[in-house]
Amino acid sequence: MKKIIITGGNGLLGKYLKIVLENSKWQIFSFGKEILDVTDKENIYKIFKEIKPDIVIHLAALTDVDYCEKNPEIAFNINSKGTENISIFAKEFNSFLLYTSTDFIFDGNKGTPYAENDIPNPLNIYGKSKLEGENFIKRYCQKYLIIRTSRIFGKNGKNFGSKLPLILKEKKEIFLTTDIINCPTYAFDLAECIKKLIEKEFYGIINVCNSGWCSWFEFGEKMREILKLNTKLKKLSFDEFSKVFNVPAKRPKFSPLSMDLLNSLNIKMRHWEESLKVFINEF
């Protein structure tokens, strides 16, 4: 029985992954930061030595984009240095390392969906720190899979997309941007895809999102329709939104990810609107 370590196991994706892998043929060891601190090399080594993992799913990250912008040292310590630490011990214990990255490694200027071989150019600290994590993995590991994803949402998530149903129910009106376009991704669908990619033993870099893309305004509009609410949605450009709400981090304006490689593996992701309905029912 193969042994899998999950870092960041108490986060949004980690919780869904535990559900998806619950009855699998693998032995799962899922750790939150209280037990496995990715910035503490002695702590990592002790756990890796005890378990000797065949697979490491590295989810632990600081994902609050604006907090990262205000606290770059903390962001790079967790997202970059923490990933370097995990990479070093994945190599030492000959573990296959799976890492979740982001569409925010791109600048959004391409105008069409980004493929896996497009050249990154992150605009913010979060994107830079995650890209540096990718580079550490490629430097240290031979057996790895980097999954780039986008705008994850799911039950009990702390990010904006996950909390938006509650916001729509509580507020009479909200402001949403019209010019930040990317691919919403339901955490459960991403977790299921991770399991399939591990089973296929796919290595390298791959994009995984729900199909289709939208703005935050379109996302909120669809959510409001499913919830049958009358909340007023007000349109803002991101530049206007940044000034009004004092948002420090730049975002790529158009960063959908191409699913061509994933589709070639005969793995199909459902449309984000379909997944959103499932999430709302779960919510």
C-alpha atoms as a PDB file:
ATOM      1  CA  MET A   1       0.000   0.000   0.000  1.00  0.00           C
ATOM      2  CA  LYS A   2       1.464   3.332  -1.084  1.00  0.00           C
ATOM      3  CA  LYS A   3       1.724   6.064   1.528  1.00  0.00           C
ATOM      4  CA  ILE A   4       0.692   9.648   0.762  1.00  0.00           C
ATOM      5  CA  ILE A   5       1.523  12.753   2.791  1.00  0.00           C
ATOM      6  CA  ILE A   6      -0.713  15.784   2.260  1.00  0.00           C
ATOM      7  CA  THR A   7       0.611  19.158   3.434  1.00  0.00           C
ATOM      8  CA  GLY A   8      -1.987  21.848   4.092  1.00  0.00           C
ATOM      9  CA  GLY A   9      -4.503  19.102   4.756  1.00  0.00           C
ATOM     10  CA  ASN A  10      -6.860  21.357   6.724  1.00  0.00           C
ATOM     11  CA  GLY A  11      -7.272  23.821   3.871  1.00  0.00           C
ATOM     12  CA  LEU A  12     -10.138  23.925   1.377  1.00  0.00           C
ATOM     13  CA  LEU A  13      -8.633  21.564  -1.211  1.00  0.00           C
ATOM     14  CA  GLY A  14      -7.060  19.366   1.464  1.00  0.00           C
ATOM     15  CA  LYS A  15     -10.442  18.626   3.037  1.00  0.00           C
ATOM     16  CA  TYR A  16     -11.978  17.606  -0.287  1.00  0.00           C
ATOM     17  CA  LEU A  17      -8.917  15.526  -1.146  1.00  0.00           C
ATOM     18  CA  LYS A  18      -9.284  13.556   2.082  1.00  0.00           C
ATOM     19  CA  ILE A  19     -12.887  12.779   1.110  1.00  0.00           C
ATOM     20  CA  VAL A  20     -11.919  11.732  -2.422  1.00  0.00           C
ATOM     21  CA  LEU A  21      -9.027   9.535  -1.239  1.00  0.00           C
ATOM     22  CA  GLU A  22     -10.883   8.126   1.784  1.00  0.00           C
ATOM     23  CA  ASN A  23     -11.602   4.693   0.328  1.00  0.00           C
ATOM     24  CA  SER A  24      -8.616   4.531  -1.994  1.00  0.00           C
ATOM     25  CA  LYS A  25      -5.905   1.880  -2.116  1.00  0.00           C
ATOM     26  CA  TRP A  26      -3.447   4.329  -0.532  1.00  0.00           C
ATOM     27  CA  GLN A  27      -2.609   5.094   3.086  1.00  0.00           C
ATOM     28  CA  ILE A  28      -3.251   8.800   3.678  1.00  0.00           C
ATOM     29  CA  PHE A  29      -1.420  11.030   6.174  1.00  0.00           C
ATOM     30  CA  SER A  30      -2.963  14.506   6.053  1.00  0.00           C
ATOM     31  CA  PHE A  31      -1.359  17.264   8.113  1.00  0.00           C
ATOM     32  CA  GLY A  32      -2.277  20.850   8.922  1.00  0.00           C
ATOM     33  CA  LYS A  33       0.392  23.448   9.620  1.00  0.00           C
ATOM     34  CA  GLU A  34       0.136  22.778  13.365  1.00  0.00           C
ATOM     35  CA  ILE A  35       1.739  19.360  12.809  1.00  0.00           C
ATOM     36  CA  LEU A  36       3.670  19.773   9.565  1.00  0.00           C
ATOM     37  CA  ASP A  37       5.176  23.237   9.262  1.00  0.00           C
ATOM     38  CA  VAL A  38       6.708  23.542   5.779  1.00  0.00           C
ATOM     39  CA  THR A  39       9.076  26.275   6.977  1.00  0.00           C
ATOM     40  CA  ASP A  40      10.630  23.958   9.594  1.00  0.00           C
ATOM     41  CA  LYS A  41      13.099  21.556   7.961  1.00  0.00           C
ATOM     42  CA  GLU A  42      13.645  19.474  11.121  1.00  0.00           C
ATOM     43  CA  ASN A  43       9.893  19.023  11.479  1.00  0.00           C
ATOM     44  CA  ILE A  44       9.538  17.941   7.833  1.00  0.00           C
ATOM     45  CA  TYR A  45      12.448  15.509   8.046  1.00  0.00           C
ATOM     46  CA  LYS A  46      11.105  13.883  11.198  1.00  0.00           C
ATOM     47  CA  ILE A  47       7.689  13.243   9.599  1.00  0.00           C
ATOM     48  CA  PHE A  48       9.135  12.073   6.271  1.00  0.00           C
ATOM     49  CA  LYS A  49      11.564   9.731   8.029  1.00  0.00           C
ATOM     50  CA  GLU A  50       8.758   8.185  10.074  1.00  0.00           C
ATOM     51  CA  ILE A  51       6.317   7.718   7.161  1.00  0.00           C
ATOM     52  CA  LYS A  52       8.671   7.335   4.170  1.00  0.00           C
ATOM     53  CA  PRO A  53       6.024   8.613   1.732  1.00  0.00           C
ATOM     54  CA  ASP A  54       5.716   7.299  -1.812  1.00  0.00           C
ATOM     55  CA  ILE A  55       3.754  10.418  -2.777  1.00  0.00           C
ATOM     56  CA  VAL A  56       3.682  13.946  -1.335  1.00  0.00           C
ATOM     57  CA  ILE A  57       0.772  16.239  -2.226  1.00  0.00           C
ATOM     58  CA  HIS A  58       2.000  19.699  -1.343  1.00  0.00           C
ATOM     59  CA  LEU A  59      -1.000  22.006  -0.809  1.00  0.00           C
ATOM     60  CA  ALA A  60       0.304  24.152   2.063  1.00  0.00           C
ATOM     61  CA  ALA A  61       0.446  27.765   0.886  1.00  0.00           C
ATOM     62  CA  LEU A  62      -0.368  31.356   1.726  1.00  0.00           C
ATOM     63  CA  THR A  63      -3.094  32.122  -0.835  1.00  0.00           C
ATOM     64  CA  ASP A  64      -4.461  35.496   0.299  1.00  0.00           C
ATOM     65  CA  VAL A  65      -3.188  37.557  -2.640  1.00  0.00           C
ATOM     66  CA  ASP A  66      -3.420  40.966  -0.978  1.00  0.00           C
ATOM     67  CA  TYR A  67      -1.949  39.753   2.310  1.00  0.00           C
ATOM     68  CA  CYS A  68       0.986  38.358   0.304  1.00  0.00           C
ATOM     69  CA  GLU A  69       1.445  41.755  -1.351  1.00  0.00           C
ATOM     70  CA  LYS A  70       1.611  43.474   2.031  1.00  0.00           C
ATOM     71  CA  ASN A  71       3.792  40.747   3.594  1.00  0.00           C
ATOM     72  CA  PRO A  72       6.234  39.540   0.905  1.00  0.00           C
ATOM     73  CA  GLU A  73       8.709  38.035   3.366  1.00  0.00           C
ATOM     74  CA  ILE A  74       6.014  35.782   4.859  1.00  0.00           C
ATOM     75  CA  ALA A  75       4.697  34.872   1.383  1.00  0.00           C
ATOM     76  CA  PHE A  76       8.119  33.822   0.074  1.00  0.00           C
ATOM     77  CA  ASN A  77       8.954  31.983   3.296  1.00  0.00           C
ATOM     78  CA  ILE A  78       5.836  29.797   3.023  1.00  0.00           C
ATOM     79  CA  ASN A  79       5.205  29.540  -0.730  1.00  0.00           C
ATOM     80  CA  SER A  80       8.812  29.487  -1.954  1.00  0.00           C
ATOM     81  CA  LYS A  81      11.139  28.424   0.860  1.00  0.00           C
ATOM     82  CA  GLY A  82       8.513  26.033   2.248  1.00  0.00           C
ATOM     83  CA  THR A  83       8.200  24.396  -1.163  1.00  0.00           C
ATOM     84  CA  GLU A  84      11.979  24.178  -1.449  1.00  0.00           C
ATOM     85  CA  ASN A  85      12.071  22.357   1.902  1.00  0.00           C
ATOM     86  CA  ILE A  86       9.402  19.889   0.777  1.00  0.00           C
ATOM     87  CA  SER A  87      11.239  19.375  -2.539  1.00  0.00           C
ATOM     88  CA  ILE A  88      14.536  18.597  -0.794  1.00  0.00           C
ATOM     89  CA  PHE A  89      12.986  15.837   1.319  1.00  0.00           C
ATOM     90  CA  ALA A  90      10.821  14.510  -1.504  1.00  0.00           C
ATOM     91  CA  LYS A  91      14.062  13.987  -3.413  1.00  0.00           C
ATOM     92  CA  GLU A  92      15.840  12.452  -0.402  1.00  0.00           C
ATOM     93  CA  PHE A  93      13.033   9.941   0.199  1.00  0.00           C
ATOM     94  CA  ASN A  94      12.458   9.321  -3.535  1.00  0.00           C
ATOM     95  CA  SER A  95       8.844  10.532  -3.284  1.00  0.00           C
ATOM     96  CA  PHE A  96       6.678  11.643  -6.189  1.00  0.00           C
ATOM     97  CA  LEU A  97       5.844  15.303  -5.485  1.00  0.00           C
ATOM     98  CA  LEU A  98       2.565  16.912  -6.560  1.00  0.00           C
ATOM     99  CA  TYR A  99       2.266  20.702  -6.182  1.00  0.00           C
ATOM    100  CA  THR A 100      -0.658  23.042  -6.774  1.00  0.00           C
ATOM    101  CA  SER A 101       0.229  26.303  -8.509  1.00  0.00           C
ATOM    102  CA  THR A 102      -1.806  29.145  -9.996  1.00  0.00           C
ATOM    103  CA  ASP A 103      -2.836  31.097 -13.104  1.00  0.00           C
ATOM    104  CA  PHE A 104      -1.413  34.145 -11.309  1.00  0.00           C
ATOM    105  CA  ILE A 105       2.066  33.186 -12.524  1.00  0.00           C
ATOM    106  CA  PHE A 106       0.971  34.812 -15.833  1.00  0.00           C
ATOM    107  CA  ASP A 107       0.504  38.512 -16.627  1.00  0.00           C
ATOM    108  CA  GLY A 108      -2.807  38.113 -18.484  1.00  0.00           C
ATOM    109  CA  ASN A 109      -1.611  39.828 -21.675  1.00  0.00           C
ATOM    110  CA  LYS A 110      -1.701  36.821 -24.015  1.00  0.00           C
ATOM    111  CA  GLY A 111      -5.377  37.241 -24.953  1.00  0.00           C
ATOM    112  CA  THR A 112      -6.018  33.489 -25.257  1.00  0.00           C
ATOM    113  CA  PRO A 113      -5.904  30.679 -22.642  1.00  0.00           C
ATOM    114  CA  TYR A 114      -2.458  29.872 -21.298  1.00  0.00           C
ATOM    115  CA  ALA A 115      -0.859  26.531 -22.160  1.00  0.00           C
ATOM    116  CA  GLU A 116       1.586  24.699 -19.922  1.00  0.00           C
ATOM    117  CA  ASN A 117       4.614  25.828 -21.981  1.00  0.00           C
ATOM    118  CA  ASP A 118       3.775  29.555 -22.001  1.00  0.00           C
ATOM    119  CA  ILE A 119       6.339  31.804 -20.335  1.00  0.00           C
ATOM    120  CA  PRO A 120       5.279  33.038 -16.866  1.00  0.00           C
ATOM    121  CA  ASN A 121       5.423  36.709 -15.898  1.00  0.00           C
ATOM    122  CA  PRO A 122       3.662  37.208 -12.538  1.00  0.00           C
ATOM    123  CA  LEU A 123       2.348  40.647 -11.595  1.00  0.00           C
ATOM    124  CA  ASN A 124       2.107  40.197  -7.821  1.00  0.00           C
ATOM    125  CA  ILE A 125       3.979  38.724  -4.864  1.00  0.00           C
ATOM    126  CA  TYR A 126       1.648  35.735  -4.617  1.00  0.00           C
ATOM    127  CA  GLY A 127       2.281  34.754  -8.247  1.00  0.00           C
ATOM    128  CA  LYS A 128       6.036  35.322  -7.893  1.00  0.00           C
ATOM    129  CA  SER A 129       6.240  33.221  -4.723  1.00  0.00           C
ATOM    130  CA  LYS A 130       4.268  30.349  -6.279  1.00  0.00           C
ATOM    131  CA  LEU A 131       6.391  30.443  -9.446  1.00  0.00           C
ATOM    132  CA  GLU A 132       9.532  30.302  -7.343  1.00  0.00           C
ATOM    133  CA  GLY A 133       8.023  27.228  -5.671  1.00  0.00           C
ATOM    134  CA  GLU A 134       7.579  25.640  -9.126  1.00  0.00           C
ATOM    135  CA  ASN A 135      11.213  26.350  -9.948  1.00  0.00           C
ATOM    136  CA  PHE A 136      12.464  24.766  -6.729  1.00  0.00           C
ATOM    137  CA  ILE A 137      10.510  21.600  -7.523  1.00  0.00           C
ATOM    138  CA  LYS A 138      11.995  21.422 -11.032  1.00  0.00           C
ATOM    139  CA  ARG A 139      15.460  22.025  -9.595  1.00  0.00           C
ATOM    140  CA  TYR A 140      15.350  19.283  -6.951  1.00  0.00           C
ATOM    141  CA  CYS A 141      12.909  16.642  -8.162  1.00  0.00           C
ATOM    142  CA  GLN A 142      12.724  14.302 -11.122  1.00  0.00           C
ATOM    143  CA  LYS A 143       9.365  12.786 -10.191  1.00  0.00           C
ATOM    144  CA  TYR A 144       6.928  15.691  -9.902  1.00  0.00           C
ATOM    145  CA  LEU A 145       3.601  17.045 -11.111  1.00  0.00           C
ATOM    146  CA  ILE A 146       2.832  20.761 -11.013  1.00  0.00           C
ATOM    147  CA  ILE A 147      -0.902  21.449 -11.307  1.00  0.00           C
ATOM    148  CA  ARG A 148      -1.830  25.005 -12.253  1.00  0.00           C
ATOM    149  CA  THR A 149      -5.354  25.941 -11.300  1.00  0.00           C
ATOM    150  CA  SER A 150      -7.521  29.012 -10.795  1.00  0.00           C
ATOM    151  CA  ARG A 151     -10.114  30.650  -8.534  1.00  0.00           C
ATOM    152  CA  ILE A 152     -10.866  27.641  -6.310  1.00  0.00           C
ATOM    153  CA  PHE A 153     -14.206  27.606  -4.473  1.00  0.00           C
ATOM    154  CA  GLY A 154     -15.883  25.112  -2.151  1.00  0.00           C
ATOM    155  CA  LYS A 155     -17.701  24.510   1.106  1.00  0.00           C
ATOM    156  CA  ASN A 156     -16.276  26.303   4.168  1.00  0.00           C
ATOM    157  CA  GLY A 157     -13.592  27.987   2.072  1.00  0.00           C
ATOM    158  CA  LYS A 158     -12.222  31.253   3.437  1.00  0.00           C
ATOM    159  CA  ASN A 159     -11.658  32.870   0.032  1.00  0.00           C
ATOM    160  CA  PHE A 160     -14.059  35.283  -1.663  1.00  0.00           C
ATOM    161  CA  GLY A 161     -15.482  32.801  -4.184  1.00  0.00           C
ATOM    162  CA  SER A 162     -16.404  30.363  -1.424  1.00  0.00           C
ATOM    163  CA  LYS A 163     -17.987  33.028   0.790  1.00  0.00           C
ATOM    164  CA  LEU A 164     -19.877  34.765  -2.019  1.00  0.00           C
ATOM    165  CA  PRO A 165     -23.191  32.870  -1.503  1.00  0.00           C
ATOM    166  CA  LEU A 166     -23.346  34.128   2.079  1.00  0.00           C
ATOM    167  CA  ILE A 167     -22.415  37.654   1.004  1.00  0.00           C
ATOM    168  CA  LEU A 168     -25.180  37.608  -1.619  1.00  0.00           C
ATOM    169  CA  LYS A 169     -27.705  36.488   1.004  1.00  0.00           C
ATOM    170  CA  GLU A 170     -26.654  39.097   3.571  1.00  0.00           C
ATOM    171  CA  LYS A 171     -26.100  42.173   1.408  1.00  0.00           C
ATOM    172  CA  LYS A 172     -28.599  44.250  -0.560  1.00  0.00           C
ATOM    173  CA  GLU A 173     -25.931  45.168  -3.093  1.00  0.00           C
ATOM    174  CA  ILE A 174     -22.321  44.216  -3.829  1.00  0.00           C
ATOM    175  CA  PHE A 175     -19.620  45.388  -6.227  1.00  0.00           C
ATOM    176  CA  LEU A 176     -18.026  42.873  -8.606  1.00  0.00           C
ATOM    177  CA  THR A 177     -15.367  43.348 -11.265  1.00  0.00           C
ATOM    178  CA  THR A 178     -16.053  42.848 -14.961  1.00  0.00           C
ATOM    179  CA  ASP A 179     -12.509  42.692 -16.355  1.00  0.00           C
ATOM    180  CA  ILE A 180     -10.741  39.970 -14.318  1.00  0.00           C
ATOM    181  CA  ILE A 181     -11.355  36.835 -16.373  1.00  0.00           C
ATOM    182  CA  ASN A 182     -10.262  33.328 -15.344  1.00  0.00           C
ATOM    183  CA  CYS A 183     -11.552  29.799 -14.718  1.00  0.00           C
ATOM    184  CA  PRO A 184     -13.554  29.085 -11.535  1.00  0.00           C
ATOM    185  CA  THR A 185     -12.616  25.684 -10.140  1.00  0.00           C
ATOM    186  CA  TYR A 186     -14.697  23.627  -7.718  1.00  0.00           C
ATOM    187  CA  ALA A 187     -12.370  22.123  -5.104  1.00  0.00           C
ATOM    188  CA  PHE A 188     -14.132  18.735  -5.224  1.00  0.00           C
ATOM    189  CA  ASP A 189     -13.613  18.473  -9.012  1.00  0.00           C
ATOM    190  CA  LEU A 190      -9.957  19.433  -8.617  1.00  0.00           C
ATOM    191  CA  ALA A 191      -9.494  16.798  -5.891  1.00  0.00           C
ATOM    192  CA  GLU A 192     -11.025  14.110  -8.112  1.00  0.00           C
ATOM    193  CA  CYS A 193      -8.744  15.122 -10.972  1.00  0.00           C
ATOM    194  CA  ILE A 194      -5.695  14.953  -8.699  1.00  0.00           C
ATOM    195  CA  LYS A 195      -6.606  11.364  -7.854  1.00  0.00           C
ATOM    196  CA  LYS A 196      -6.920  10.475 -11.565  1.00  0.00           C
ATOM    197  CA  LEU A 197      -3.572  12.066 -12.417  1.00  0.00           C
ATOM    198  CA  ILE A 198      -1.847  10.168  -9.601  1.00  0.00           C
ATOM    199  CA  GLU A 199      -3.384   6.926 -10.865  1.00  0.00           C
ATOM    200  CA  LYS A 200      -2.128   7.705 -14.378  1.00  0.00           C
ATOM    201  CA  GLU A 201       1.336   8.515 -12.960  1.00  0.00           C
ATOM    202  CA  PHE A 202       1.450  11.667 -15.055  1.00  0.00           C
ATOM    203  CA  TYR A 203       4.570  13.797 -14.560  1.00  0.00           C
ATOM    204  CA  GLY A 204       5.399  17.371 -15.548  1.00  0.00           C
ATOM    205  CA  ILE A 205       3.119  20.436 -15.613  1.00  0.00           C
ATOM    206  CA  ILE A 206      -0.620  20.422 -16.318  1.00  0.00           C
ATOM    207  CA  ASN A 207      -3.540  22.853 -16.109  1.00  0.00           C
ATOM    208  CA  VAL A 208      -6.629  21.747 -14.157  1.00  0.00           C
ATOM    209  CA  CYS A 209      -9.737  23.964 -13.937  1.00  0.00           C
ATOM    210  CA  ASN A 210     -13.425  23.624 -14.606  1.00  0.00           C
ATOM    211  CA  SER A 211     -14.157  24.318 -18.266  1.00  0.00           C
ATOM    212  CA  GLY A 212     -15.217  27.776 -19.399  1.00  0.00           C
ATOM    213  CA  TRP A 213     -14.239  31.127 -17.952  1.00  0.00           C
ATOM    214  CA  CYS A 214     -15.933  34.254 -16.625  1.00  0.00           C
ATOM    215  CA  SER A 215     -15.542  37.540 -14.783  1.00  0.00           C
ATOM    216  CA  TRP A 216     -16.332  37.917 -11.100  1.00  0.00           C
ATOM    217  CA  PHE A 217     -19.497  39.769 -12.114  1.00  0.00           C
ATOM    218  CA  GLU A 218     -20.646  36.856 -14.315  1.00  0.00           C
ATOM    219  CA  PHE A 219     -19.761  34.408 -11.529  1.00  0.00           C
ATOM    220  CA  GLY A 220     -21.837  36.388  -9.023  1.00  0.00           C
ATOM    221  CA  GLU A 221     -24.676  36.799 -11.514  1.00  0.00           C
ATOM    222  CA  LYS A 222     -24.910  33.043 -12.036  1.00  0.00           C
ATOM    223  CA  MET A 223     -24.723  32.412  -8.303  1.00  0.00           C
ATOM    224  CA  ARG A 224     -27.492  34.924  -7.644  1.00  0.00           C
ATOM    225  CA  GLU A 225     -29.655  33.214 -10.299  1.00  0.00           C
ATOM    226  CA  ILE A 226     -29.165  29.756  -8.713  1.00  0.00           C
ATOM    227  CA  LEU A 227     -29.927  31.126  -5.239  1.00  0.00           C
ATOM    228  CA  LYS A 228     -32.978  33.025  -6.581  1.00  0.00           C
ATOM    229  CA  LEU A 229     -31.941  36.250  -4.841  1.00  0.00           C
ATOM    230  CA  ASN A 230     -32.601  39.901  -5.644  1.00  0.00           C
ATOM    231  CA  THR A 231     -29.235  41.214  -4.493  1.00  0.00           C
ATOM    232  CA  LYS A 232     -28.136  44.131  -6.667  1.00  0.00           C
ATOM    233  CA  LEU A 233     -24.819  43.557  -8.444  1.00  0.00           C
ATOM    234  CA  LYS A 234     -22.830  46.653  -9.363  1.00  0.00           C
ATOM    235  CA  LYS A 235     -20.153  46.562 -12.052  1.00  0.00           C
ATOM    236  CA  LEU A 236     -16.669  47.933 -11.488  1.00  0.00           C
ATOM    237  CA  SER A 237     -13.416  47.681 -13.399  1.00  0.00           C
ATOM    238  CA  PHE A 238     -10.576  46.214 -11.353  1.00  0.00           C
ATOM    239  CA  ASP A 239      -8.779  49.572 -11.332  1.00  0.00           C
ATOM    240  CA  GLU A 240     -11.889  51.226  -9.893  1.00  0.00           C
ATOM    241  CA  PHE A 241     -12.356  48.366  -7.413  1.00  0.00           C
ATOM    242  CA  SER A 242      -8.713  48.670  -6.267  1.00  0.00           C
ATOM    243  CA  LYS A 243      -9.082  52.370  -5.544  1.00  0.00           C
ATOM    244  CA  VAL A 244     -12.449  52.088  -3.779  1.00  0.00           C
ATOM    245  CA  PHE A 245     -11.526  49.082  -1.620  1.00  0.00           C
ATOM    246  CA  ASN A 246      -7.770  49.725  -1.290  1.00  0.00           C
ATOM    247  CA  VAL A 247      -6.669  46.471  -2.950  1.00  0.00           C
ATOM    248  CA  PRO A 248      -2.847  46.454  -3.226  1.00  0.00           C
ATOM    249  CA  ALA A 249      -2.099  43.474  -5.488  1.00  0.00           C
ATOM    250  CA  LYS A 250      -2.383  43.611  -9.280  1.00  0.00           C
ATOM    251  CA  ARG A 251      -4.228  40.768 -11.011  1.00  0.00           C
ATOM    252  CA  PRO A 252      -3.846  39.374 -14.528  1.00  0.00           C
ATOM    253  CA  LYS A 253      -6.839  40.640 -16.522  1.00  0.00           C
ATOM    254  CA  PHE A 254      -7.259  37.494 -18.671  1.00  0.00           C
ATOM    255  CA  SER A 255      -5.728  34.274 -17.336  1.00  0.00           C
ATOM    256  CA  PRO A 256      -7.891  31.277 -18.334  1.00  0.00           C
ATOM    257  CA  LEU A 257      -5.882  28.056 -18.581  1.00  0.00           C
ATOM    258  CA  SER A 258      -6.003  25.752 -21.601  1.00  0.00           C
ATOM    259  CA  MET A 259      -7.380  22.270 -20.882  1.00  0.00           C
ATOM    260  CA  ASP A 260      -6.018  20.701 -24.093  1.00  0.00           C
ATOM    261  CA  LEU A 261      -3.357  18.606 -22.363  1.00  0.00           C
ATOM    262  CA  LEU A 262      -5.767  17.377 -19.690  1.00  0.00           C
ATOM    263  CA  ASN A 263      -8.363  16.502 -22.345  1.00  0.00           C
ATOM    264  CA  SER A 264      -5.716  14.538 -24.268  1.00  0.00           C
ATOM    265  CA  LEU A 265      -5.403  12.284 -21.196  1.00  0.00           C
ATOM    266  CA  ASN A 266      -9.146  11.582 -21.514  1.00  0.00           C
ATOM    267  CA  ILE A 267      -9.905  13.579 -18.368  1.00  0.00           C
ATOM    268  CA  LYS A 268     -12.783  15.995 -18.829  1.00  0.00           C
ATOM    269  CA  MET A 269     -13.686  18.736 -16.354  1.00  0.00           C
ATOM    270  CA  ARG A 270     -17.329  19.813 -16.184  1.00  0.00           C
ATOM    271  CA  HIS A 271     -18.326  23.415 -16.873  1.00  0.00           C
ATOM    272  CA  TRP A 272     -17.969  25.843 -13.976  1.00  0.00           C
ATOM    273  CA  GLU A 273     -21.707  26.638 -14.085  1.00  0.00           C
ATOM    274  CA  GLU A 274     -22.575  22.980 -13.494  1.00  0.00           C
ATOM    275  CA  SER A 275     -20.093  22.747 -10.628  1.00  0.00           C
ATOM    276  CA  LEU A 276     -21.433  25.971  -9.162  1.00  0.00           C
ATOM    277  CA  LYS A 277     -24.912  24.434  -8.907  1.00  0.00           C
ATOM    278  CA  VAL A 278     -23.460  21.456  -7.015  1.00  0.00           C
ATOM    279  CA  PHE A 279     -21.560  23.797  -4.690  1.00  0.00           C
ATOM    280  CA  ILE A 280     -24.668  25.884  -3.989  1.00  0.00           C
ATOM    281  CA  ASN A 281     -26.619  22.736  -3.088  1.00  0.00           C
ATOM    282  CA  GLU A 282     -23.754  21.692  -0.810  1.00  0.00           C
ATOM    283  CA  PHE A 283     -23.577  25.198   0.658  1.00  0.00           C
END
